[in-house]
Protein backbone atom coordinates (compact mmCIF):
# COMPACT_ATOMS: atom_id res chain seq x y z
CA MET A 1 27.45 6.00 4.39
CA ILE A 2 25.82 2.29 2.85
CA ALA A 3 22.45 3.28 1.72
CA LEU A 4 19.97 0.62 3.18
CA PHE A 5 17.42 -1.19 1.56
CA VAL A 6 13.82 -1.69 3.60
CA ASP A 7 10.75 -3.54 1.28
CA GLN A 8 8.42 -3.63 3.73
CA VAL A 9 7.02 -0.55 6.31
CA LYS A 10 3.83 -0.34 8.56
CA ILE A 11 2.75 3.23 8.09
CA PHE A 12 -0.74 4.93 9.48
CA VAL A 13 -2.03 8.00 7.05
CA LYS A 14 -4.69 10.05 8.40
CA GLY A 15 -6.85 12.72 5.13
CA GLY A 16 -6.98 16.06 7.42
CA LYS A 17 -9.55 17.25 8.50
CA GLY A 18 -12.44 19.63 7.09
CA GLY A 19 -12.80 23.24 8.20
CA ASP A 20 -14.97 24.64 10.11
CA GLY A 21 -18.07 26.62 8.85
CA VAL A 22 -18.32 30.34 10.78
CA VAL A 23 -21.45 32.42 12.10
CA SER A 24 -21.58 35.91 10.62
CA PHE A 25 -23.43 38.39 9.98
CA ARG A 26 -22.65 41.29 7.81
CA ARG A 27 -23.07 44.61 9.23
CA GLU A 28 -22.74 47.38 6.47
CA LYS A 29 -23.51 51.41 7.07
CA TYR A 30 -26.96 51.52 5.71
CA VAL A 31 -27.44 48.15 5.57
CA PRO A 32 -30.02 47.09 8.44
CA HIS A 33 -31.36 43.91 8.01
CA GLY A 34 -28.11 42.42 6.29
CA GLY A 35 -28.07 38.59 7.07
CA PRO A 36 -26.14 35.55 8.36
CA ASP A 37 -23.39 35.39 6.26
CA GLY A 38 -21.14 32.62 7.56
CA GLY A 39 -18.52 31.07 4.82
CA ASN A 40 -18.98 27.37 4.53
CA GLY A 41 -15.21 25.38 5.77
CA GLY A 42 -11.90 24.38 3.30
CA SER A 43 -12.15 20.08 3.04
CA GLY A 44 -9.00 18.23 4.17
CA GLY A 45 -6.23 17.30 2.56
CA ASP A 46 -6.15 13.75 1.05
CA VAL A 47 -2.92 11.62 1.66
CA VAL A 48 -1.76 10.22 -2.03
CA LEU A 49 0.96 7.26 -2.82
CA VAL A 50 3.00 8.45 -5.91
CA ALA A 51 5.22 5.87 -7.90
CA THR A 52 8.27 7.09 -8.71
CA GLU A 53 11.86 6.04 -10.38
CA GLN A 54 13.57 8.40 -8.43
CA LYS A 55 13.00 5.60 -5.08
CA SER A 56 14.79 2.82 -4.74
CA THR A 57 13.27 1.58 -1.33
CA LEU A 58 11.33 2.20 0.85
CA ILE A 59 13.22 3.68 3.61
CA ASP A 60 12.12 7.56 3.70
CA ILE A 61 8.63 6.31 4.90
CA SER A 62 10.09 3.90 7.38
CA TYR A 63 11.49 7.28 9.14
CA ARG A 64 8.17 8.70 9.10
CA PRO A 65 5.53 6.14 9.31
CA HIS A 66 2.60 8.51 10.47
CA LEU A 67 1.89 10.81 7.35
CA HIS A 68 -1.25 13.33 8.18
CA ALA A 69 -2.59 15.48 5.89
CA PRO A 70 -2.67 19.71 6.48
CA SER A 71 -6.42 20.10 7.29
CA GLY A 72 -8.78 22.79 5.08
CA SER A 73 -8.84 26.12 6.72
CA ASN A 74 -12.10 28.04 7.93
CA GLY A 75 -15.14 30.18 7.02
CA SER A 76 -15.23 33.67 7.08
CA GLY A 77 -17.61 36.08 7.59
CA LYS A 78 -18.90 37.94 3.64
CA LYS A 79 -20.11 34.50 2.50
CA LYS A 80 -16.01 33.76 2.40
CA HIS A 81 -15.48 29.68 2.63
CA GLY A 82 -12.22 27.87 3.84
CA LYS A 83 -9.69 26.83 1.36
CA ASN A 84 -9.53 23.16 0.60
CA ALA A 85 -6.49 21.77 2.01
CA SER A 86 -3.33 20.15 -1.37
CA PRO A 87 -2.95 16.18 -0.95
CA LEU A 88 -0.04 15.13 0.72
CA GLU A 89 1.47 12.86 -1.69
CA ILE A 90 4.06 10.46 -0.44
CA GLN A 91 6.95 9.06 -3.37
CA VAL A 92 7.31 5.40 -2.72
CA PRO A 93 9.09 2.76 -6.11
CA VAL A 94 7.85 1.36 -8.77
CA GLY A 95 6.17 -2.05 -7.42
CA THR A 96 4.61 -0.82 -4.19
CA GLU A 97 2.07 -2.70 -3.20
CA ILE A 98 0.10 -1.38 -0.25
CA LYS A 99 -2.01 -3.91 1.62
CA ASP A 100 -4.07 -3.91 5.23
CA GLU A 101 -3.01 -5.51 8.36
CA ASN A 102 -4.85 -8.60 7.77
CA GLY A 103 -1.93 -9.14 4.54
CA THR A 104 -4.78 -8.10 2.04
CA SER A 105 -3.60 -6.34 -1.79
CA LEU A 106 -5.63 -3.42 -1.78
CA ALA A 107 -3.90 -1.76 -4.50
CA ASP A 108 -0.45 -1.98 -6.85
CA LEU A 109 2.32 0.57 -8.07
CA ASP A 110 3.61 -0.91 -11.00
CA ARG A 111 4.07 1.91 -13.19
CA PRO A 112 5.71 4.79 -12.95
CA GLY A 113 3.26 7.71 -12.19
CA MET A 114 0.17 5.70 -10.91
CA LYS A 115 -1.39 6.99 -7.43
CA ALA A 116 -3.19 5.17 -5.12
CA LEU A 117 -5.61 8.18 -3.07
CA VAL A 118 -5.04 6.14 0.96
CA ALA A 119 -6.59 8.41 3.17
CA ARG A 120 -9.90 10.80 1.86
CA GLY A 121 -9.36 14.07 3.75
CA GLY A 122 -13.05 15.15 5.85
CA LYS A 123 -15.21 17.70 4.33
CA GLY A 124 -15.66 21.17 5.58
CA GLY A 125 -18.27 22.07 7.97
CA ARG A 126 -20.82 24.22 6.39
CA GLY A 127 -21.75 28.28 7.61
CA ASN A 128 -24.55 29.97 8.95
CA ALA A 129 -25.33 31.14 5.28
CA HIS A 130 -25.81 28.30 4.03
CA PHE A 131 -28.98 27.47 6.27
CA ALA A 132 -30.84 30.24 6.09
CA THR A 133 -34.09 30.07 4.30
CA SER A 134 -37.44 32.01 4.56
CA ARG A 135 -38.54 30.61 7.47
CA ARG A 136 -34.65 30.52 9.62
CA ARG A 137 -33.58 33.83 8.95
CA ILE A 138 -30.57 34.43 11.02
CA PRO A 139 -29.05 30.53 12.40
CA ASP A 140 -26.88 31.34 14.83
CA PHE A 141 -24.98 28.03 14.27
CA ALA A 142 -22.46 26.91 11.75
CA GLU A 143 -20.96 22.90 11.49
CA LYS A 144 -17.53 21.93 12.55
CA GLY A 145 -15.15 19.99 9.93
CA MET A 146 -15.34 16.32 9.25
CA PRO A 147 -12.46 14.67 10.75
CA GLY A 148 -10.21 12.78 8.10
CA GLU A 149 -10.23 9.18 7.00
CA GLU A 150 -6.85 7.31 8.58
CA ARG A 151 -6.32 3.86 8.43
CA THR A 152 -2.80 1.57 8.68
CA LEU A 153 -1.32 0.29 5.85
CA VAL A 154 1.63 -1.95 5.30
CA LEU A 155 3.70 -1.31 2.18
CA GLU A 156 5.51 -4.20 0.11
CA LEU A 157 8.27 -3.54 -2.14
CA LYS A 158 8.68 -5.90 -5.22
CA LEU A 159 11.41 -5.35 -7.09
CA LEU A 160 10.35 -5.44 -11.15
CA ALA A 161 12.91 -7.64 -13.42
CA ASP A 162 12.66 -9.23 -15.91
CA VAL A 163 14.61 -11.92 -15.17
CA GLY A 164 15.16 -13.63 -11.96
CA LEU A 165 18.16 -15.29 -9.94
CA VAL A 166 17.57 -18.22 -7.54
CA GLY A 167 20.78 -19.45 -6.05
CA PHE A 168 21.92 -20.67 -3.03
CA PRO A 169 24.54 -18.04 -1.17
CA ASN A 170 27.79 -18.16 -2.72
CA ALA A 171 26.60 -19.81 -6.43
CA GLY A 172 27.90 -17.00 -7.78
CA LYS A 173 25.10 -14.56 -8.26
CA SER A 174 26.93 -11.55 -7.54
CA THR A 175 29.56 -11.80 -9.95
CA LEU A 176 27.92 -12.60 -13.54
CA LEU A 177 25.10 -9.05 -12.64
CA SER A 178 28.99 -7.35 -12.01
CA ARG A 179 30.18 -9.43 -15.86
CA VAL A 180 27.41 -8.58 -17.76
CA SER A 181 25.51 -4.98 -16.39
CA SER A 182 26.88 -1.54 -14.33
CA ALA A 183 25.52 -3.19 -11.33
CA ARG A 184 27.91 -3.55 -8.71
CA PRO A 185 26.93 -5.85 -5.99
CA LYS A 186 29.69 -6.97 -3.37
CA VAL A 187 31.07 -10.11 -3.87
CA ALA A 188 33.22 -11.91 -1.67
CA SER A 189 33.38 -15.86 -0.02
CA PHE A 190 31.07 -15.48 3.36
CA PRO A 191 27.38 -16.42 2.53
CA PHE A 192 24.31 -13.87 2.68
CA THR A 193 26.92 -11.65 1.29
CA THR A 194 23.83 -9.88 -0.57
CA LEU A 195 21.73 -8.73 1.52
CA ALA A 196 19.55 -7.26 -0.39
CA PRO A 197 17.97 -7.29 -4.16
CA GLN A 198 20.31 -6.04 -6.85
CA LEU A 199 19.05 -4.89 -10.58
CA GLY A 200 21.23 -4.75 -13.12
CA VAL A 201 20.18 -3.62 -17.22
CA VAL A 202 21.81 -6.43 -19.78
CA SER A 203 21.63 -4.85 -22.80
CA LEU A 204 22.75 -7.65 -26.12
CA GLY A 205 23.12 -5.63 -28.53
CA GLU A 206 20.88 -3.99 -31.64
CA GLY A 207 17.99 -3.06 -28.80
CA ARG A 208 17.67 -5.93 -26.82
CA SER A 209 18.09 -5.56 -23.03
CA PHE A 210 16.58 -7.00 -20.01
CA VAL A 211 16.68 -6.02 -16.38
CA LEU A 212 18.39 -8.65 -14.31
CA ALA A 213 17.70 -9.62 -10.65
CA ASP A 214 20.08 -10.99 -8.13
CA LEU A 215 18.42 -11.70 -5.14
CA PRO A 216 19.10 -12.66 -1.36
CA GLY A 217 20.24 -16.71 -1.59
CA ILE A 218 17.75 -19.10 -0.42
CA ILE A 219 18.09 -21.83 1.39
CA GLU A 220 16.18 -24.37 2.97
CA ASP A 221 12.56 -23.63 4.49
CA ALA A 222 12.95 -19.93 3.13
CA HIS A 223 9.37 -20.02 2.52
CA LYS A 224 9.22 -20.75 5.89
CA GLY A 225 10.91 -17.47 6.68
CA ALA A 226 14.48 -19.29 7.54
CA GLY A 227 17.74 -17.54 6.12
CA LEU A 228 16.48 -13.99 4.22
CA GLY A 229 13.36 -16.11 4.06
CA HIS A 230 10.16 -13.43 2.30
CA GLN A 231 12.86 -10.69 2.09
CA PHE A 232 14.18 -13.08 -0.40
CA LEU A 233 10.73 -14.93 -2.45
CA ARG A 234 8.57 -11.46 -2.12
CA HIS A 235 11.20 -10.06 -4.94
CA ILE A 236 11.09 -12.98 -7.43
CA GLU A 237 6.62 -12.86 -8.04
CA ARG A 238 7.26 -10.36 -10.47
CA THR A 239 10.22 -11.56 -12.37
CA ARG A 240 9.24 -13.54 -15.98
CA VAL A 241 12.04 -15.60 -16.54
CA LEU A 242 13.75 -17.46 -13.56
CA ILE A 243 17.26 -18.88 -13.37
CA PHE A 244 18.37 -21.44 -11.21
CA PHE A 245 21.69 -20.58 -10.84
CA LEU A 246 23.75 -23.93 -9.25
CA ASP A 247 27.11 -24.44 -8.02
CA MET A 248 28.55 -27.04 -10.37
CA ALA A 249 31.71 -26.94 -8.27
CA SER A 250 30.48 -27.37 -5.37
CA THR A 251 32.75 -25.38 -3.26
CA GLU A 252 30.39 -24.65 -0.24
CA GLY A 253 30.38 -28.74 -0.44
CA ARG A 254 27.04 -29.84 -1.10
CA ASP A 255 25.26 -31.33 -4.09
CA PRO A 256 24.42 -29.27 -7.54
CA TYR A 257 21.30 -31.15 -7.51
CA ASP A 258 19.86 -31.50 -4.11
CA ASP A 259 20.38 -28.00 -3.98
CA TYR A 260 18.72 -27.48 -6.81
CA ILE A 261 15.16 -29.98 -6.31
CA THR A 262 15.48 -27.18 -2.47
CA LEU A 263 15.24 -24.25 -4.44
CA ARG A 264 11.90 -25.58 -7.06
CA ARG A 265 11.01 -27.23 -3.45
CA GLU A 266 10.93 -23.97 -2.00
CA LEU A 267 9.21 -21.74 -4.83
CA LYS A 268 6.22 -24.69 -4.61
CA ALA A 269 5.72 -24.08 -0.98
CA TYR A 270 5.81 -20.38 -1.07
CA ARG A 271 3.55 -19.55 -4.18
CA PRO A 272 2.78 -23.69 -6.54
CA GLU A 273 2.85 -20.55 -10.29
CA LEU A 274 6.35 -19.46 -9.72
CA LEU A 275 7.49 -23.17 -11.29
CA SER A 276 5.20 -22.68 -14.07
CA ARG A 277 6.85 -19.48 -15.39
CA PRO A 278 10.08 -20.25 -17.76
CA ASN A 279 13.37 -21.33 -16.39
CA LEU A 280 17.32 -22.44 -17.27
CA ILE A 281 19.88 -23.56 -15.15
CA ALA A 282 23.17 -22.38 -14.57
CA ALA A 283 25.44 -24.69 -14.10
CA ASN A 284 27.83 -21.99 -12.53
CA LYS A 285 32.29 -22.43 -12.24
CA MET A 286 32.88 -24.43 -14.79
CA ASP A 287 36.35 -23.02 -14.20
CA LEU A 288 37.02 -25.11 -11.08
CA PRO A 289 38.32 -28.59 -12.18
CA ALA A 290 35.64 -30.27 -9.60
CA ALA A 291 32.92 -28.97 -11.76
CA GLN A 292 32.91 -31.27 -15.14
CA GLU A 293 32.58 -34.78 -12.69
CA ASN A 294 29.81 -33.29 -10.76
CA ILE A 295 28.02 -32.13 -14.05
CA GLU A 296 28.05 -35.25 -14.95
CA LEU A 297 26.19 -36.82 -12.40
CA PHE A 298 23.62 -33.48 -12.67
CA LEU A 299 22.55 -33.79 -15.98
CA ALA A 300 22.88 -37.85 -15.48
CA ARG A 301 19.96 -37.30 -12.87
CA LEU A 302 17.86 -34.62 -14.48
CA ASP A 303 14.75 -36.12 -15.92
CA ASN A 304 12.90 -33.44 -17.01
CA GLY A 305 15.14 -32.89 -20.49
CA GLU A 306 15.40 -29.25 -18.62
CA ALA A 307 17.97 -27.06 -20.41
CA VAL A 308 21.26 -26.46 -18.40
CA PHE A 309 24.16 -24.17 -19.80
CA SER A 310 27.78 -24.43 -18.59
CA ILE A 311 28.90 -21.35 -17.85
CA SER A 312 31.73 -19.25 -15.38
CA GLY A 313 30.84 -16.46 -14.05
CA ALA A 314 34.37 -15.37 -13.28
CA THR A 315 35.65 -15.80 -16.72
CA GLY A 316 32.86 -15.71 -19.05
CA GLU A 317 32.78 -18.88 -20.61
CA GLY A 318 29.26 -19.89 -21.94
CA VAL A 319 27.30 -16.19 -20.29
CA ASP A 320 26.54 -15.22 -24.07
CA GLN A 321 24.53 -18.00 -24.60
CA LEU A 322 22.98 -17.96 -21.39
CA LEU A 323 22.02 -14.29 -21.79
CA ASN A 324 20.44 -15.07 -25.47
CA GLU A 325 18.65 -18.11 -24.49
CA THR A 326 16.92 -15.77 -21.66
CA TYR A 327 16.16 -13.26 -24.28
CA LEU A 328 14.74 -15.56 -25.85
CA HIS A 329 12.48 -16.57 -23.79
CA LEU A 330 11.51 -12.99 -22.44
CA GLU A 331 10.53 -12.52 -26.45
CA LYS A 332 8.61 -15.25 -26.55
CA LEU A 333 6.50 -14.02 -23.25
CA ARG A 334 5.97 -10.94 -24.97
CA VAL A 335 4.32 -12.47 -28.38
CA LEU A 336 2.22 -14.58 -26.50
CA GLU A 337 0.73 -11.48 -24.38
CA GLU A 338 0.38 -9.77 -27.81
CA GLU A 339 -1.59 -12.96 -29.32
CA THR A 340 -3.53 -13.84 -26.73
CA GLY A 341 -4.63 -10.02 -26.08
CA LYS A 342 -3.20 -9.93 -22.62
CA GLU A 343 -0.35 -6.85 -23.51
CA LEU A 344 -0.96 -4.97 -20.04
CA GLN A 345 -3.33 -2.41 -20.62
CA GLU A 346 -3.33 0.73 -20.19
CA LEU A 347 -4.62 1.74 -15.75
CA GLU A 348 -6.31 5.15 -14.27
CA GLU A 349 -4.30 7.45 -13.30
CA ILE A 350 -5.24 7.13 -9.94
CA ILE A 351 -6.19 4.27 -7.58
CA TYR A 352 -8.89 4.97 -4.95
CA LEU A 353 -9.14 2.57 -2.11
CA GLU A 354 -12.44 1.40 -0.91
CA PRO A 355 -14.02 3.25 2.27
CA LEU A 356 -13.07 1.50 5.50
CA GLN A 357 -16.81 1.24 6.30
CA LEU A 358 -20.18 0.43 4.03
CA PRO A 359 -22.96 2.97 4.69
CA ARG A 360 -25.06 2.00 7.89
CA GLU A 361 -28.01 2.49 8.46
CA LEU A 362 -29.41 3.68 11.83
CA THR A 363 -29.00 1.01 15.07
CA ILE A 364 -30.03 1.34 18.79
CA GLU A 365 -28.30 -1.66 20.81
CA LYS A 366 -28.01 -1.86 24.84
CA THR A 367 -26.24 -2.78 27.08
CA THR A 368 -26.02 -2.55 31.15
CA GLU A 369 -23.20 -0.92 32.73
CA LYS A 370 -22.13 0.04 36.22
CA GLU A 371 -23.99 3.12 35.84
CA GLY A 372 -27.10 1.18 34.79
CA PRO A 373 -28.49 0.96 31.35
CA VAL A 374 -26.83 2.81 28.49
CA PHE A 375 -28.43 2.68 24.83
CA ILE A 376 -26.13 2.70 21.91
CA VAL A 377 -26.79 4.64 19.20
CA SER A 378 -24.89 4.15 15.54
CA GLY A 379 -25.11 4.95 12.43
CA ASP A 380 -23.81 6.62 9.36
CA GLU A 381 -25.95 10.19 9.94
CA VAL A 382 -26.71 10.07 13.50
CA GLU A 383 -22.51 9.98 13.98
CA SER A 384 -21.56 12.44 11.64
CA LEU A 385 -24.55 14.74 13.11
CA VAL A 386 -22.14 14.57 16.67
CA GLN A 387 -18.94 15.31 14.71
CA LYS A 388 -20.71 18.29 12.80
CA THR A 389 -21.95 19.50 16.09
CA ASN A 390 -20.39 22.58 18.27
CA PHE A 391 -22.24 21.67 21.27
CA ASP A 392 -20.55 24.85 22.77
CA SER A 393 -23.17 26.86 20.58
CA PRO A 394 -26.07 26.89 22.04
CA GLY A 395 -27.80 27.05 18.24
CA SER A 396 -25.74 24.76 16.86
CA THR A 397 -26.86 22.51 20.06
CA ALA A 398 -30.65 23.52 19.59
CA ARG A 399 -29.90 21.85 15.64
CA PHE A 400 -28.93 18.91 16.93
CA GLN A 401 -32.19 18.39 18.90
CA GLU A 402 -34.14 19.54 16.00
CA VAL A 403 -32.48 16.56 13.28
CA ILE A 404 -32.28 13.78 16.10
CA ARG A 405 -36.31 13.91 15.89
CA LYS A 406 -36.35 13.94 12.18
CA LEU A 407 -33.88 10.95 12.28
CA LYS A 408 -36.53 9.35 14.98
CA VAL A 409 -33.77 7.88 17.22
CA GLU A 410 -35.79 9.08 20.37
CA GLU A 411 -38.95 6.59 18.73
CA GLU A 412 -36.79 4.13 18.12
CA LEU A 413 -34.84 4.60 21.70
CA VAL A 414 -38.20 4.59 23.03
CA LYS A 415 -39.58 1.44 21.42
CA LYS A 416 -35.86 -0.24 23.02
CA GLY A 417 -37.56 1.05 26.29
CA ILE A 418 -35.44 3.48 27.09
CA LYS A 419 -36.46 5.47 30.59
CA GLU A 420 -35.44 8.52 31.93
CA GLY A 421 -32.01 8.95 33.59
CA ASP A 422 -30.42 6.45 30.83
CA THR A 423 -27.20 6.55 29.09
CA VAL A 424 -27.70 6.87 25.46
CA ARG A 425 -23.79 7.07 23.89
CA ILE A 426 -23.88 8.62 19.89
CA GLY A 427 -19.70 8.63 19.11
CA ASN A 428 -17.75 10.67 21.14
CA LEU A 429 -20.63 11.70 23.07
CA GLU A 430 -22.40 10.71 25.90
CA PHE A 431 -26.13 12.70 27.79
CA THR A 432 -28.37 11.38 30.08
CA TYR A 433 -32.07 10.92 28.41
CA TYR A 434 -35.03 13.63 29.80
CA PRO A 435 -37.62 13.00 26.83
CA ASP A 436 -38.22 16.81 26.99
CA GLN A 437 -34.05 16.87 25.75
CA LEU A 438 -35.18 15.39 22.13
């Protein structure tokens, strides 16, 4: 079976619902006035993404794009609180970036063990024991648990590699990777043999090593999505050194210099800062007859003094020099980062995504529908009150009306011109207004 490489997936996440509070009264022999003893509901579970090196693709999540955390347990009598639900932890590969539907980056899990809380669980409802006071000794109501947070996210995997091979299809990148590392990418003579990025660890001895990525071949207009388009370009963003890999023997009938210019143009169109990274040119297939003539023409047309390495991935000619020079560039970057204080800092263990909505004050909007005027009441407190209220319970409904008065909702409705018989809508609750009801 062939393991599919999936590097982008759209998911829906939802935190667990909070458990309901319970209405209960103490009933024991010889205790004539036991009073309320209903416990609170437990909190719903959070949805958490965890970066791990054990995963290399998002394929598991693509088969399960709807992620729902478990709900909290309901409260019970004798002031027993419901159990909080455990978080739903989903493993994703290191290098996974979390975005919203508009493409805005929310979190980047680029280290093993990093976590992102992407959907919070709902709070548990309070039992009637919580509402007992000296004036209200026998509260006959409790709160329902709050629903969990829900949102749609896009996960993008961007492989973590020190060095990226940038080249047209059939330039010989896979052959080089298989020679210098234990990676075994598919090698064939047809275009787009490599359909997914391949990583290999290059060891140069004496503790010197780096991660090399063979990325799917780029073609003209790749930044617009042509060929493998963004599937290729997404993964090059994290590489620190680029190797422009050219077929100097022109086995596909293309001019090596034109290929080089096209590759640079595509990178610039996709993300201009990529061209500011250290880069080398690998003139591959120098074991073939036409390569020597082509490289002389190629060097004559270069005008920036770029470093060019004549190599053959098939025979190994010049490969060691290319790899050693690549490692030197990586070392210079490391030293520079240390000197300028830009070395990676320890990141917090868990990233908390911002709530979907900012706090909202009470607002009332008047609209006109077929049935007549409708007054839409919005605001965090009043909408939360609706979600917590059990309208099948007379006591809970009475408390709802009491809190509505405290929030001055009726006062604001009157200012907006509400009349008896008009419709009021709060969240998913809709009722007809009568002055005595609020």
